[in-house]
Amino acid sequence: MTWVSVLAVYFIIWWLVLFATLPFSLRTQDDAGEVTLGTASSAPRGAHVGRAMLRTTIVSALVFGALYVANQVFGIGIDDLPHFVPDFGG
């Protein structure tokens, strides 16, 4: 796997993990009891971007590491996944 491929795959995994883990540890203004006038009560209480990015980076590194070991050490690739769509070709 080239460095460009490694960076591209890690980038995709990072963004997927970001949106999957973004709601974790989110406190809304309603939870804190401090709703700012003119905002929705379901809006975040404060910025938690730094913690979310750190958590995303750690989880992405673990997921990427598992995929890298599965591919490079055990030889498991995308062609080894089962096909769920039947083959309708003659």
PDB file of N, CA and C in Angstrom:
ATOM      1  N   MET A   1       0.843  -1.166   0.000  1.00  0.00           N
ATOM      2  CA  MET A   1       0.000   0.000   0.000  1.00  0.00           C
ATOM      3  C   MET A   1       0.896   1.241   0.000  1.00  0.00           C
ATOM      4  N   THR A   2       0.658   2.144  -0.926  1.00  0.00           N
ATOM      5  CA  THR A   2       1.474   3.350  -1.008  1.00  0.00           C
ATOM      6  C   THR A   2       1.043   4.350   0.067  1.00  0.00           C
ATOM      7  N   TRP A   3       1.892   5.345   0.308  1.00  0.00           N
ATOM      8  CA  TRP A   3       1.590   6.346   1.329  1.00  0.00           C
ATOM      9  C   TRP A   3       0.348   7.158   0.957  1.00  0.00           C
ATOM     10  N   VAL A   4       0.157   7.378  -0.318  1.00  0.00           N
ATOM     11  CA  VAL A   4      -1.030   8.108  -0.756  1.00  0.00           C
ATOM     12  C   VAL A   4      -2.291   7.304  -0.446  1.00  0.00           C
ATOM     13  N   SER A   5      -2.234   5.998  -0.679  1.00  0.00           N
ATOM     14  CA  SER A   5      -3.374   5.133  -0.366  1.00  0.00           C
ATOM     15  C   SER A   5      -3.630   5.096   1.129  1.00  0.00           C
ATOM     16  N   VAL A   6      -2.570   5.011   1.911  1.00  0.00           N
ATOM     17  CA  VAL A   6      -2.709   4.986   3.372  1.00  0.00           C
ATOM     18  C   VAL A   6      -3.383   6.268   3.855  1.00  0.00           C
ATOM     19  N   LEU A   7      -2.925   7.410   3.367  1.00  0.00           N
ATOM     20  CA  LEU A   7      -3.514   8.686   3.781  1.00  0.00           C
ATOM     21  C   LEU A   7      -4.958   8.820   3.315  1.00  0.00           C
ATOM     22  N   ALA A   8      -5.259   8.363   2.112  1.00  0.00           N
ATOM     23  CA  ALA A   8      -6.624   8.457   1.596  1.00  0.00           C
ATOM     24  C   ALA A   8      -7.578   7.581   2.411  1.00  0.00           C
ATOM     25  N   VAL A   9      -7.171   6.358   2.697  1.00  0.00           N
ATOM     26  CA  VAL A   9      -8.024   5.456   3.477  1.00  0.00           C
ATOM     27  C   VAL A   9      -8.199   5.984   4.899  1.00  0.00           C
ATOM     28  N   TYR A  10      -7.116   6.471   5.511  1.00  0.00           N
ATOM     29  CA  TYR A  10      -7.216   7.012   6.865  1.00  0.00           C
ATOM     30  C   TYR A  10      -8.124   8.239   6.883  1.00  0.00           C
ATOM     31  N   PHE A  11      -8.037   9.092   5.875  1.00  0.00           N
ATOM     32  CA  PHE A  11      -8.881  10.281   5.788  1.00  0.00           C
ATOM     33  C   PHE A  11     -10.360   9.903   5.722  1.00  0.00           C
ATOM     34  N   ILE A  12     -10.677   8.908   4.918  1.00  0.00           N
ATOM     35  CA  ILE A  12     -12.070   8.461   4.798  1.00  0.00           C
ATOM     36  C   ILE A  12     -12.551   7.861   6.103  1.00  0.00           C
ATOM     37  N   ILE A  13     -11.729   7.025   6.730  1.00  0.00           N
ATOM     38  CA  ILE A  13     -12.097   6.427   8.014  1.00  0.00           C
ATOM     39  C   ILE A  13     -12.280   7.512   9.068  1.00  0.00           C
ATOM     40  N   TRP A  14     -11.402   8.525   9.066  1.00  0.00           N
ATOM     41  CA  TRP A  14     -11.478   9.583  10.065  1.00  0.00           C
ATOM     42  C   TRP A  14     -12.805  10.326   9.972  1.00  0.00           C
ATOM     43  N   TRP A  15     -13.239  10.654   8.752  1.00  0.00           N
ATOM     44  CA  TRP A  15     -14.490  11.379   8.597  1.00  0.00           C
ATOM     45  C   TRP A  15     -15.692  10.522   8.973  1.00  0.00           C
ATOM     46  N   LEU A  16     -15.668   9.251   8.633  1.00  0.00           N
ATOM     47  CA  LEU A  16     -16.766   8.369   9.018  1.00  0.00           C
ATOM     48  C   LEU A  16     -16.859   8.242  10.534  1.00  0.00           C
ATOM     49  N   VAL A  17     -15.718   8.084  11.177  1.00  0.00           N
ATOM     50  CA  VAL A  17     -15.695   7.959  12.635  1.00  0.00           C
ATOM     51  C   VAL A  17     -16.100   9.275  13.295  1.00  0.00           C
ATOM     52  N   LEU A  18     -15.715  10.404  12.710  1.00  0.00           N
ATOM     53  CA  LEU A  18     -16.100  11.707  13.275  1.00  0.00           C
ATOM     54  C   LEU A  18     -17.613  11.814  13.376  1.00  0.00           C
ATOM     55  N   PHE A  19     -18.311  11.529  12.295  1.00  0.00           N
ATOM     56  CA  PHE A  19     -19.763  11.671  12.322  1.00  0.00           C
ATOM     57  C   PHE A  19     -20.434  10.577  13.151  1.00  0.00           C
ATOM     58  N   ALA A  20     -19.771   9.445  13.331  1.00  0.00           N
ATOM     59  CA  ALA A  20     -20.329   8.400  14.173  1.00  0.00           C
ATOM     60  C   ALA A  20     -20.157   8.720  15.655  1.00  0.00           C
ATOM     61  N   THR A  21     -19.063   9.389  16.019  1.00  0.00           N
ATOM     62  CA  THR A  21     -18.777   9.640  17.434  1.00  0.00           C
ATOM     63  C   THR A  21     -19.089  11.064  17.872  1.00  0.00           C
ATOM     64  N   LEU A  22     -19.494  11.933  16.985  1.00  0.00           N
ATOM     65  CA  LEU A  22     -19.750  13.329  17.336  1.00  0.00           C
ATOM     66  C   LEU A  22     -20.807  13.497  18.430  1.00  0.00           C
ATOM     67  N   PRO A  23     -21.885  12.731  18.441  1.00  0.00           N
ATOM     68  CA  PRO A  23     -22.887  12.932  19.491  1.00  0.00           C
ATOM     69  C   PRO A  23     -22.465  12.442  20.888  1.00  0.00           C
ATOM     70  N   PHE A  24     -21.393  11.658  20.991  1.00  0.00           N
ATOM     71  CA  PHE A  24     -20.983  11.156  22.300  1.00  0.00           C
ATOM     72  C   PHE A  24     -20.526  12.295  23.181  1.00  0.00           C
ATOM     73  N   SER A  25     -20.911  12.271  24.420  1.00  0.00           N
ATOM     74  CA  SER A  25     -20.583  13.254  25.464  1.00  0.00           C
ATOM     75  C   SER A  25     -21.054  14.654  25.101  1.00  0.00           C
ATOM     76  N   LEU A  26     -22.100  14.754  24.309  1.00  0.00           N
ATOM     77  CA  LEU A  26     -22.665  16.042  23.943  1.00  0.00           C
ATOM     78  C   LEU A  26     -23.692  16.441  24.989  1.00  0.00           C
ATOM     79  N   ARG A  27     -23.532  17.621  25.539  1.00  0.00           N
ATOM     80  CA  ARG A  27     -24.511  18.165  26.482  1.00  0.00           C
ATOM     81  C   ARG A  27     -25.211  19.330  25.814  1.00  0.00           C
ATOM     82  N   THR A  28     -26.523  19.283  25.826  1.00  0.00           N
ATOM     83  CA  THR A  28     -27.290  20.356  25.215  1.00  0.00           C
ATOM     84  C   THR A  28     -27.506  21.483  26.226  1.00  0.00           C
ATOM     85  N   GLN A  29     -27.973  22.614  25.720  1.00  0.00           N
ATOM     86  CA  GLN A  29     -28.278  23.735  26.605  1.00  0.00           C
ATOM     87  C   GLN A  29     -29.408  23.377  27.561  1.00  0.00           C
ATOM     88  N   ASP A  30     -30.330  22.552  27.092  1.00  0.00           N
ATOM     89  CA  ASP A  30     -31.439  22.126  27.935  1.00  0.00           C
ATOM     90  C   ASP A  30     -30.937  21.243  29.077  1.00  0.00           C
ATOM     91  N   ASP A  31     -29.952  20.372  28.794  1.00  0.00           N
ATOM     92  CA  ASP A  31     -29.364  19.533  29.842  1.00  0.00           C
ATOM     93  C   ASP A  31     -28.696  20.374  30.920  1.00  0.00           C
ATOM     94  N   ALA A  32     -28.017  21.436  30.504  1.00  0.00           N
ATOM     95  CA  ALA A  32     -27.309  22.296  31.446  1.00  0.00           C
ATOM     96  C   ALA A  32     -28.245  23.285  32.129  1.00  0.00           C
ATOM     97  N   GLY A  33     -29.439  23.478  31.594  1.00  0.00           N
ATOM     98  CA  GLY A  33     -30.381  24.415  32.181  1.00  0.00           C
ATOM     99  C   GLY A  33     -30.049  25.861  31.873  1.00  0.00           C
ATOM    100  N   GLU A  34     -29.233  26.094  30.855  1.00  0.00           N
ATOM    101  CA  GLU A  34     -28.827  27.452  30.481  1.00  0.00           C
ATOM    102  C   GLU A  34     -29.103  27.668  28.992  1.00  0.00           C
ATOM    103  N   VAL A  35     -30.352  27.904  28.646  1.00  0.00           N
ATOM    104  CA  VAL A  35     -30.720  28.097  27.249  1.00  0.00           C
ATOM    105  C   VAL A  35     -30.514  29.571  26.892  1.00  0.00           C
ATOM    106  N   THR A  36     -29.677  29.825  25.892  1.00  0.00           N
ATOM    107  CA  THR A  36     -29.414  31.181  25.428  1.00  0.00           C
ATOM    108  C   THR A  36     -30.595  31.664  24.606  1.00  0.00           C
ATOM    109  N   LEU A  37     -31.022  32.881  24.872  1.00  0.00           N
ATOM    110  CA  LEU A  37     -32.166  33.449  24.182  1.00  0.00           C
ATOM    111  C   LEU A  37     -31.903  33.501  22.673  1.00  0.00           C
ATOM    112  N   GLY A  38     -32.849  33.002  21.894  1.00  0.00           N
ATOM    113  CA  GLY A  38     -32.735  33.015  20.447  1.00  0.00           C
ATOM    114  C   GLY A  38     -32.138  31.752  19.859  1.00  0.00           C
ATOM    115  N   THR A  39     -31.793  30.771  20.701  1.00  0.00           N
ATOM    116  CA  THR A  39     -31.247  29.507  20.203  1.00  0.00           C
ATOM    117  C   THR A  39     -32.173  28.367  20.585  1.00  0.00           C
ATOM    118  N   ALA A  40     -32.011  27.256  19.902  1.00  0.00           N
ATOM    119  CA  ALA A  40     -32.795  26.065  20.227  1.00  0.00           C
ATOM    120  C   ALA A  40     -32.263  25.437  21.512  1.00  0.00           C
ATOM    121  N   SER A  41     -33.152  24.875  22.293  1.00  0.00           N
ATOM    122  CA  SER A  41     -32.700  24.262  23.546  1.00  0.00           C
ATOM    123  C   SER A  41     -31.881  23.003  23.292  1.00  0.00           C
ATOM    124  N   SER A  42     -31.961  22.459  22.084  1.00  0.00           N
ATOM    125  CA  SER A  42     -31.187  21.262  21.756  1.00  0.00           C
ATOM    126  C   SER A  42     -29.803  21.587  21.216  1.00  0.00           C
ATOM    127  N   ALA A  43     -29.458  22.863  21.174  1.00  0.00           N
ATOM    128  CA  ALA A  43     -28.132  23.271  20.700  1.00  0.00           C
ATOM    129  C   ALA A  43     -27.074  22.857  21.720  1.00  0.00           C
ATOM    130  N   PRO A  44     -25.856  22.579  21.273  1.00  0.00           N
ATOM    131  CA  PRO A  44     -24.800  22.188  22.209  1.00  0.00           C
ATOM    132  C   PRO A  44     -24.534  23.290  23.235  1.00  0.00           C
ATOM    133  N   ARG A  45     -24.200  22.879  24.456  1.00  0.00           N
ATOM    134  CA  ARG A  45     -23.932  23.822  25.538  1.00  0.00           C
ATOM    135  C   ARG A  45     -22.659  24.599  25.276  1.00  0.00           C
ATOM    136  N   GLY A  46     -21.651  23.938  24.808  1.00  0.00           N
ATOM    137  CA  GLY A  46     -20.378  24.594  24.523  1.00  0.00           C
ATOM    138  C   GLY A  46     -19.646  23.826  23.449  1.00  0.00           C
ATOM    139  N   ALA A  47     -18.562  24.399  23.002  1.00  0.00           N
ATOM    140  CA  ALA A  47     -17.782  23.734  21.959  1.00  0.00           C
ATOM    141  C   ALA A  47     -17.049  22.527  22.543  1.00  0.00           C
ATOM    142  N   HIS A  48     -17.190  21.416  21.902  1.00  0.00           N
ATOM    143  CA  HIS A  48     -16.465  20.211  22.305  1.00  0.00           C
ATOM    144  C   HIS A  48     -15.716  19.629  21.110  1.00  0.00           C
ATOM    145  N   VAL A  49     -15.282  20.507  20.227  1.00  0.00           N
ATOM    146  CA  VAL A  49     -14.633  20.082  18.990  1.00  0.00           C
ATOM    147  C   VAL A  49     -13.280  19.437  19.271  1.00  0.00           C
ATOM    148  N   GLY A  50     -12.517  19.996  20.198  1.00  0.00           N
ATOM    149  CA  GLY A  50     -11.195  19.445  20.500  1.00  0.00           C
ATOM    150  C   GLY A  50     -11.265  18.014  21.001  1.00  0.00           C
ATOM    151  N   ARG A  51     -12.170  17.772  21.950  1.00  0.00           N
ATOM    152  CA  ARG A  51     -12.336  16.403  22.465  1.00  0.00           C
ATOM    153  C   ARG A  51     -12.856  15.468  21.382  1.00  0.00           C
ATOM    154  N   ALA A  52     -13.763  15.971  20.556  1.00  0.00           N
ATOM    155  CA  ALA A  52     -14.318  15.138  19.480  1.00  0.00           C
ATOM    156  C   ALA A  52     -13.240  14.771  18.469  1.00  0.00           C
ATOM    157  N   MET A  53     -12.372  15.714  18.130  1.00  0.00           N
ATOM    158  CA  MET A  53     -11.298  15.432  17.171  1.00  0.00           C
ATOM    159  C   MET A  53     -10.272  14.461  17.755  1.00  0.00           C
ATOM    160  N   LEU A  54      -9.952  14.616  19.028  1.00  0.00           N
ATOM    161  CA  LEU A  54      -9.013  13.689  19.668  1.00  0.00           C
ATOM    162  C   LEU A  54      -9.591  12.286  19.726  1.00  0.00           C
ATOM    163  N   ARG A  55     -10.847  12.181  20.148  1.00  0.00           N
ATOM    164  CA  ARG A  55     -11.508  10.876  20.214  1.00  0.00           C
ATOM    165  C   ARG A  55     -11.589  10.250  18.825  1.00  0.00           C
ATOM    166  N   THR A  56     -11.900  11.054  17.804  1.00  0.00           N
ATOM    167  CA  THR A  56     -11.990  10.564  16.434  1.00  0.00           C
ATOM    168  C   THR A  56     -10.643  10.061  15.937  1.00  0.00           C
ATOM    169  N   THR A  57      -9.580  10.785  16.243  1.00  0.00           N
ATOM    170  CA  THR A  57      -8.243  10.396  15.798  1.00  0.00           C
ATOM    171  C   THR A  57      -7.825   9.066  16.425  1.00  0.00           C
ATOM    172  N   ILE A  58      -8.108   8.893  17.703  1.00  0.00           N
ATOM    173  CA  ILE A  58      -7.734   7.646  18.392  1.00  0.00           C
ATOM    174  C   ILE A  58      -8.525   6.467  17.843  1.00  0.00           C
ATOM    175  N   VAL A  59      -9.841   6.626  17.722  1.00  0.00           N
ATOM    176  CA  VAL A  59     -10.671   5.525  17.217  1.00  0.00           C
ATOM    177  C   VAL A  59     -10.322   5.215  15.760  1.00  0.00           C
ATOM    178  N   SER A  60     -10.063   6.247  14.957  1.00  0.00           N
ATOM    179  CA  SER A  60      -9.694   6.031  13.555  1.00  0.00           C
ATOM    180  C   SER A  60      -8.374   5.290  13.431  1.00  0.00           C
ATOM    181  N   ALA A  61      -7.429   5.622  14.296  1.00  0.00           N
ATOM    182  CA  ALA A  61      -6.144   4.919  14.268  1.00  0.00           C
ATOM    183  C   ALA A  61      -6.324   3.450  14.604  1.00  0.00           C
ATOM    184  N   LEU A  62      -7.190   3.145  15.567  1.00  0.00           N
ATOM    185  CA  LEU A  62      -7.449   1.739  15.917  1.00  0.00           C
ATOM    186  C   LEU A  62      -8.135   0.997  14.775  1.00  0.00           C
ATOM    187  N   VAL A  63      -9.132   1.627  14.159  1.00  0.00           N
ATOM    188  CA  VAL A  63      -9.838   0.991  13.042  1.00  0.00           C
ATOM    189  C   VAL A  63      -8.894   0.797  11.857  1.00  0.00           C
ATOM    190  N   PHE A  64      -8.115   1.832  11.534  1.00  0.00           N
ATOM    191  CA  PHE A  64      -7.180   1.722  10.423  1.00  0.00           C
ATOM    192  C   PHE A  64      -6.129   0.658  10.713  1.00  0.00           C
ATOM    193  N   GLY A  65      -5.629   0.609  11.936  1.00  0.00           N
ATOM    194  CA  GLY A  65      -4.643  -0.411  12.303  1.00  0.00           C
ATOM    195  C   GLY A  65      -5.192  -1.818  12.128  1.00  0.00           C
ATOM    196  N   ALA A  66      -6.444  -2.027  12.543  1.00  0.00           N
ATOM    197  CA  ALA A  66      -7.068  -3.345  12.381  1.00  0.00           C
ATOM    198  C   ALA A  66      -7.219  -3.701  10.901  1.00  0.00           C
ATOM    199  N   LEU A  67      -7.648  -2.737  10.100  1.00  0.00           N
ATOM    200  CA  LEU A  67      -7.792  -2.995   8.664  1.00  0.00           C
ATOM    201  C   LEU A  67      -6.440  -3.231   7.999  1.00  0.00           C
ATOM    202  N   TYR A  68      -5.433  -2.492   8.420  1.00  0.00           N
ATOM    203  CA  TYR A  68      -4.099  -2.657   7.847  1.00  0.00           C
ATOM    204  C   TYR A  68      -3.518  -4.030   8.177  1.00  0.00           C
ATOM    205  N   VAL A  69      -3.671  -4.459   9.422  1.00  0.00           N
ATOM    206  CA  VAL A  69      -3.176  -5.780   9.818  1.00  0.00           C
ATOM    207  C   VAL A  69      -3.945  -6.874   9.087  1.00  0.00           C
ATOM    208  N   ALA A  70      -5.267  -6.710   8.975  1.00  0.00           N
ATOM    209  CA  ALA A  70      -6.061  -7.711   8.260  1.00  0.00           C
ATOM    210  C   ALA A  70      -5.636  -7.812   6.805  1.00  0.00           C
ATOM    211  N   ASN A  71      -5.301  -6.700   6.200  1.00  0.00           N
ATOM    212  CA  ASN A  71      -4.931  -6.695   4.794  1.00  0.00           C
ATOM    213  C   ASN A  71      -3.494  -7.150   4.586  1.00  0.00           C
ATOM    214  N   GLN A  72      -2.557  -6.597   5.323  1.00  0.00           N
ATOM    215  CA  GLN A  72      -1.138  -6.853   5.077  1.00  0.00           C
ATOM    216  C   GLN A  72      -0.634  -8.144   5.724  1.00  0.00           C
ATOM    217  N   VAL A  73      -1.126  -8.480   6.904  1.00  0.00           N
ATOM    218  CA  VAL A  73      -0.631  -9.665   7.606  1.00  0.00           C
ATOM    219  C   VAL A  73      -1.427 -10.908   7.227  1.00  0.00           C
ATOM    220  N   PHE A  74      -2.759 -10.792   7.276  1.00  0.00           N
ATOM    221  CA  PHE A  74      -3.606 -11.960   7.032  1.00  0.00           C
ATOM    222  C   PHE A  74      -4.061 -12.080   5.583  1.00  0.00           C
ATOM    223  N   GLY A  75      -3.838 -11.072   4.769  1.00  0.00           N
ATOM    224  CA  GLY A  75      -4.187 -11.136   3.358  1.00  0.00           C
ATOM    225  C   GLY A  75      -5.668 -11.048   3.073  1.00  0.00           C
ATOM    226  N   ILE A  76      -6.435 -10.498   3.990  1.00  0.00           N
ATOM    227  CA  ILE A  76      -7.872 -10.354   3.787  1.00  0.00           C
ATOM    228  C   ILE A  76      -8.117  -9.048   3.049  1.00  0.00           C
ATOM    229  N   GLY A  77      -8.783  -9.141   1.913  1.00  0.00           N
ATOM    230  CA  GLY A  77      -9.056  -7.960   1.108  1.00  0.00           C
ATOM    231  C   GLY A  77     -10.528  -7.814   0.818  1.00  0.00           C
ATOM    232  N   ILE A  78     -10.853  -6.853  -0.009  1.00  0.00           N
ATOM    233  CA  ILE A  78     -12.247  -6.589  -0.342  1.00  0.00           C
ATOM    234  C   ILE A  78     -12.861  -7.746  -1.126  1.00  0.00           C
ATOM    235  N   ASP A  79     -12.052  -8.493  -1.856  1.00  0.00           N
ATOM    236  CA  ASP A  79     -12.573  -9.625  -2.631  1.00  0.00           C
ATOM    237  C   ASP A  79     -12.942 -10.814  -1.752  1.00  0.00           C
ATOM    238  N   ASP A  80     -12.491 -10.814  -0.506  1.00  0.00           N
ATOM    239  CA  ASP A  80     -12.810 -11.907   0.404  1.00  0.00           C
ATOM    240  C   ASP A  80     -14.145 -11.726   1.117  1.00  0.00           C
ATOM    241  N   LEU A  81     -14.757 -10.578   0.967  1.00  0.00           N
ATOM    242  CA  LEU A  81     -16.064 -10.350   1.572  1.00  0.00           C
ATOM    243  C   LEU A  81     -17.123 -11.095   0.766  1.00  0.00           C
ATOM    244  N   PRO A  82     -18.146 -11.610   1.438  1.00  0.00           N
ATOM    245  CA  PRO A  82     -19.183 -12.334   0.696  1.00  0.00           C
ATOM    246  C   PRO A  82     -19.998 -11.383  -0.176  1.00  0.00           C
ATOM    247  N   HIS A  83     -20.454 -11.910  -1.281  1.00  0.00           N
ATOM    248  CA  HIS A  83     -21.278 -11.133  -2.199  1.00  0.00           C
ATOM    249  C   HIS A  83     -22.735 -11.346  -1.828  1.00  0.00           C
ATOM    250  N   PHE A  84     -23.440 -10.268  -1.566  1.00  0.00           N
ATOM    251  CA  PHE A  84     -24.842 -10.364  -1.171  1.00  0.00           C
ATOM    252  C   PHE A  84     -25.793 -10.235  -2.358  1.00  0.00           C
ATOM    253  N   VAL A  85     -25.281  -9.800  -3.486  1.00  0.00           N
ATOM    254  CA  VAL A  85     -26.098  -9.650  -4.675  1.00  0.00           C
ATOM    255  C   VAL A  85     -25.897 -10.886  -5.544  1.00  0.00           C
ATOM    256  N   PRO A  86     -26.970 -11.562  -5.920  1.00  0.00           N
ATOM    257  CA  PRO A  86     -26.808 -12.756  -6.758  1.00  0.00           C
ATOM    258  C   PRO A  86     -26.282 -12.409  -8.144  1.00  0.00           C
ATOM    259  N   ASP A  87     -25.610 -13.354  -8.746  1.00  0.00           N
ATOM    260  CA  ASP A  87     -25.054 -13.175 -10.084  1.00  0.00           C
ATOM    261  C   ASP A  87     -26.126 -13.555 -11.103  1.00  0.00           C
ATOM    262  N   PHE A  88     -26.651 -12.568 -11.812  1.00  0.00           N
ATOM    263  CA  PHE A  88     -27.715 -12.819 -12.789  1.00  0.00           C
ATOM    264  C   PHE A  88     -27.179 -13.022 -14.197  1.00  0.00           C
ATOM    265  N   GLY A  89     -25.858 -12.965 -14.337  1.00  0.00           N
ATOM    266  CA  GLY A  89     -25.284 -13.157 -15.666  1.00  0.00           C
ATOM    267  C   GLY A  89     -25.334 -14.630 -16.065  1.00  0.00           C
ATOM    268  N   GLY A  90     -25.823 -14.889 -17.238  1.00  0.00           N
ATOM    269  CA  GLY A  90     -26.015 -16.185 -17.859  1.00  0.00           C
ATOM    270  C   GLY A  90     -25.356 -17.292 -17.271  1.00  0.00           C
TER     271      GLY A  90
END
